[in-house]
């Protein structure tokens, strides 16, 4: 008889969830905005405006779920700091054209200008 599988405390900690929420929420912004303005942007599922709009909404939903897991009400300052780290990280990624570099790296087509 095997032991029940339980989540590892180090990977599901509230702080980790808050960082990931910051990353996902910030990552959803350029995808959602370019999608609803009918422009293409590099995306894992394809560069079309529709894929980006839906991908941005999915990122927002995932960020919301991660914030719920982060137990923000129990320790708001720590959650704010952790989420801010995620926001800064994804902001720098997009500011340095990370989505375009990843598309090239993995052989994905770039959006047409």
C-alpha atoms as a PDB file:
ATOM      1  CA  UNK A   1       0.000   0.000   0.000  1.00  0.00           C
ATOM      2  CA  UNK A   2       1.487   3.333  -1.028  1.00  0.00           C
ATOM      3  CA  UNK A   3       1.428   6.542   0.947  1.00  0.00           C
ATOM      4  CA  UNK A   4      -1.011   9.224  -0.180  1.00  0.00           C
ATOM      5  CA  UNK A   5       0.414  11.864  -2.470  1.00  0.00           C
ATOM      6  CA  UNK A   6       0.529  15.252  -0.801  1.00  0.00           C
ATOM      7  CA  UNK A   7       1.723  18.519  -2.304  1.00  0.00           C
ATOM      8  CA  UNK A   8       5.238  19.561  -1.391  1.00  0.00           C
ATOM      9  CA  UNK A   9       5.205  22.618   0.884  1.00  0.00           C
ATOM     10  CA  UNK A  10       8.073  24.245  -1.035  1.00  0.00           C
ATOM     11  CA  UNK A  11       6.241  24.254  -4.375  1.00  0.00           C
ATOM     12  CA  UNK A  12       2.762  25.194  -3.174  1.00  0.00           C
ATOM     13  CA  UNK A  13       3.645  27.837  -0.605  1.00  0.00           C
ATOM     14  CA  UNK A  14       1.532  31.000  -0.625  1.00  0.00           C
ATOM     15  CA  UNK A  15       4.558  33.096  -1.576  1.00  0.00           C
ATOM     16  CA  UNK A  16       5.264  30.918  -4.618  1.00  0.00           C
ATOM     17  CA  UNK A  17       1.621  31.204  -5.644  1.00  0.00           C
ATOM     18  CA  UNK A  18       1.756  34.999  -5.300  1.00  0.00           C
ATOM     19  CA  UNK A  19       4.902  35.250  -7.455  1.00  0.00           C
ATOM     20  CA  UNK A  20       3.297  33.063 -10.113  1.00  0.00           C
ATOM     21  CA  UNK A  21       0.106  35.139  -9.935  1.00  0.00           C
ATOM     22  CA  UNK A  22       2.144  38.275 -10.600  1.00  0.00           C
ATOM     23  CA  UNK A  23       3.892  36.596 -13.525  1.00  0.00           C
ATOM     24  CA  UNK A  24       0.692  35.240 -15.072  1.00  0.00           C
ATOM     25  CA  UNK A  25      -1.373  38.383 -14.585  1.00  0.00           C
ATOM     26  CA  UNK A  26       1.310  40.591 -16.090  1.00  0.00           C
ATOM     27  CA  UNK A  27       1.894  38.169 -18.947  1.00  0.00           C
ATOM     28  CA  UNK A  28      -1.798  38.305 -19.791  1.00  0.00           C
ATOM     29  CA  UNK A  29      -1.773  42.066 -20.370  1.00  0.00           C
ATOM     30  CA  UNK A  30       0.108  42.280 -23.706  1.00  0.00           C
ATOM     31  CA  UNK A  31      -1.680  39.211 -25.045  1.00  0.00           C
ATOM     32  CA  UNK A  32      -5.124  40.488 -24.104  1.00  0.00           C
ATOM     33  CA  UNK A  33      -4.512  44.061 -25.306  1.00  0.00           C
ATOM     34  CA  UNK A  34      -3.067  43.025 -28.666  1.00  0.00           C
ATOM     35  CA  UNK A  35      -5.855  40.491 -29.058  1.00  0.00           C
ATOM     36  CA  UNK A  36      -8.722  42.905 -28.462  1.00  0.00           C
ATOM     37  CA  UNK A  37      -7.091  45.480 -30.753  1.00  0.00           C
ATOM     38  CA  UNK A  38      -6.963  42.864 -33.560  1.00  0.00           C
ATOM     39  CA  UNK A  39      -3.178  42.695 -33.758  1.00  0.00           C
ATOM     40  CA  UNK A  40      -0.863  39.704 -33.787  1.00  0.00           C
ATOM     41  CA  UNK A  41       1.637  38.988 -31.016  1.00  0.00           C
ATOM     42  CA  UNK A  42       3.852  35.959 -30.353  1.00  0.00           C
ATOM     43  CA  UNK A  43       1.836  33.302 -28.551  1.00  0.00           C
ATOM     44  CA  UNK A  44       2.371  29.633 -27.798  1.00  0.00           C
ATOM     45  CA  UNK A  45      -0.956  28.735 -29.413  1.00  0.00           C
ATOM     46  CA  UNK A  46      -0.514  30.923 -32.490  1.00  0.00           C
ATOM     47  CA  UNK A  47      -0.075  34.599 -33.202  1.00  0.00           C
ATOM     48  CA  UNK A  48      -3.652  35.499 -34.146  1.00  0.00           C
ATOM     49  CA  UNK A  49      -5.582  38.208 -32.359  1.00  0.00           C
ATOM     50  CA  UNK A  50      -8.180  35.684 -31.201  1.00  0.00           C
ATOM     51  CA  UNK A  51      -5.576  33.328 -29.726  1.00  0.00           C
ATOM     52  CA  UNK A  52      -3.989  36.242 -27.897  1.00  0.00           C
ATOM     53  CA  UNK A  53      -7.252  37.613 -26.517  1.00  0.00           C
ATOM     54  CA  UNK A  54      -8.289  34.182 -25.235  1.00  0.00           C
ATOM     55  CA  UNK A  55      -4.757  33.501 -23.960  1.00  0.00           C
ATOM     56  CA  UNK A  56      -4.776  36.803 -22.081  1.00  0.00           C
ATOM     57  CA  UNK A  57      -8.112  35.970 -20.456  1.00  0.00           C
ATOM     58  CA  UNK A  58      -6.791  32.529 -19.497  1.00  0.00           C
ATOM     59  CA  UNK A  59      -3.714  34.134 -17.935  1.00  0.00           C
ATOM     60  CA  UNK A  60      -5.957  36.443 -15.884  1.00  0.00           C
ATOM     61  CA  UNK A  61      -8.059  33.488 -14.702  1.00  0.00           C
ATOM     62  CA  UNK A  62      -4.953  31.513 -13.734  1.00  0.00           C
ATOM     63  CA  UNK A  63      -3.572  34.544 -11.896  1.00  0.00           C
ATOM     64  CA  UNK A  64      -6.839  34.847  -9.975  1.00  0.00           C
ATOM     65  CA  UNK A  65      -6.761  31.179  -8.985  1.00  0.00           C
ATOM     66  CA  UNK A  66      -3.141  31.511  -7.890  1.00  0.00           C
ATOM     67  CA  UNK A  67      -4.009  34.567  -5.790  1.00  0.00           C
ATOM     68  CA  UNK A  68      -6.708  32.527  -4.064  1.00  0.00           C
ATOM     69  CA  UNK A  69      -4.119  29.844  -3.305  1.00  0.00           C
ATOM     70  CA  UNK A  70      -1.714  32.513  -2.057  1.00  0.00           C
ATOM     71  CA  UNK A  71      -3.945  33.199   0.945  1.00  0.00           C
ATOM     72  CA  UNK A  72      -3.456  36.935   0.531  1.00  0.00           C
ATOM     73  CA  UNK A  73      -5.724  37.773   3.466  1.00  0.00           C
ATOM     74  CA  UNK A  74      -3.534  35.835   5.898  1.00  0.00           C
ATOM     75  CA  UNK A  75      -0.343  37.742   5.066  1.00  0.00           C
ATOM     76  CA  UNK A  76      -1.027  40.687   2.764  1.00  0.00           C
ATOM     77  CA  UNK A  77       2.419  42.301   2.910  1.00  0.00           C
ATOM     78  CA  UNK A  78       4.291  39.129   2.008  1.00  0.00           C
ATOM     79  CA  UNK A  79       1.824  38.427  -0.795  1.00  0.00           C
ATOM     80  CA  UNK A  80       2.216  41.963  -2.141  1.00  0.00           C
ATOM     81  CA  UNK A  81       6.005  41.712  -2.157  1.00  0.00           C
ATOM     82  CA  UNK A  82       5.945  38.255  -3.754  1.00  0.00           C
ATOM     83  CA  UNK A  83       3.409  39.242  -6.430  1.00  0.00           C
ATOM     84  CA  UNK A  84       5.401  42.414  -7.136  1.00  0.00           C
ATOM     85  CA  UNK A  85       8.474  40.301  -7.842  1.00  0.00           C
ATOM     86  CA  UNK A  86       6.471  38.367 -10.409  1.00  0.00           C
ATOM     87  CA  UNK A  87       5.169  41.582 -11.976  1.00  0.00           C
ATOM     88  CA  UNK A  88       8.673  43.053 -12.257  1.00  0.00           C
ATOM     89  CA  UNK A  89      10.059  39.825 -13.708  1.00  0.00           C
ATOM     90  CA  UNK A  90       7.430  39.594 -16.442  1.00  0.00           C
ATOM     91  CA  UNK A  91       7.644  43.327 -17.146  1.00  0.00           C
ATOM     92  CA  UNK A  92      11.374  43.022 -17.817  1.00  0.00           C
ATOM     93  CA  UNK A  93      10.767  39.895 -19.933  1.00  0.00           C
ATOM     94  CA  UNK A  94       8.309  41.712 -22.215  1.00  0.00           C
ATOM     95  CA  UNK A  95      10.302  44.962 -22.249  1.00  0.00           C
ATOM     96  CA  UNK A  96      13.297  43.019 -23.564  1.00  0.00           C
ATOM     97  CA  UNK A  97      11.093  41.451 -26.292  1.00  0.00           C
ATOM     98  CA  UNK A  98      11.227  38.069 -24.615  1.00  0.00           C
ATOM     99  CA  UNK A  99       8.154  36.738 -26.399  1.00  0.00           C
ATOM    100  CA  UNK A 100       9.784  37.417 -29.766  1.00  0.00           C
ATOM    101  CA  UNK A 101      13.087  35.866 -28.688  1.00  0.00           C
ATOM    102  CA  UNK A 102      11.336  32.721 -27.433  1.00  0.00           C
ATOM    103  CA  UNK A 103       9.420  32.386 -30.698  1.00  0.00           C
ATOM    104  CA  UNK A 104      12.675  32.507 -32.657  1.00  0.00           C
ATOM    105  CA  UNK A 105      14.378  30.136 -30.213  1.00  0.00           C
ATOM    106  CA  UNK A 106      11.646  27.507 -30.568  1.00  0.00           C
ATOM    107  CA  UNK A 107      11.176  27.931 -34.310  1.00  0.00           C
ATOM    108  CA  UNK A 108       7.732  29.523 -34.085  1.00  0.00           C
ATOM    109  CA  UNK A 109       6.720  32.045 -36.759  1.00  0.00           C
ATOM    110  CA  UNK A 110       6.857  35.693 -35.797  1.00  0.00           C
ATOM    111  CA  UNK A 111       3.749  37.850 -36.234  1.00  0.00           C
ATOM    112  CA  UNK A 112       3.536  39.792 -39.459  1.00  0.00           C
ATOM    113  CA  UNK A 113       4.028  43.535 -39.063  1.00  0.00           C
END
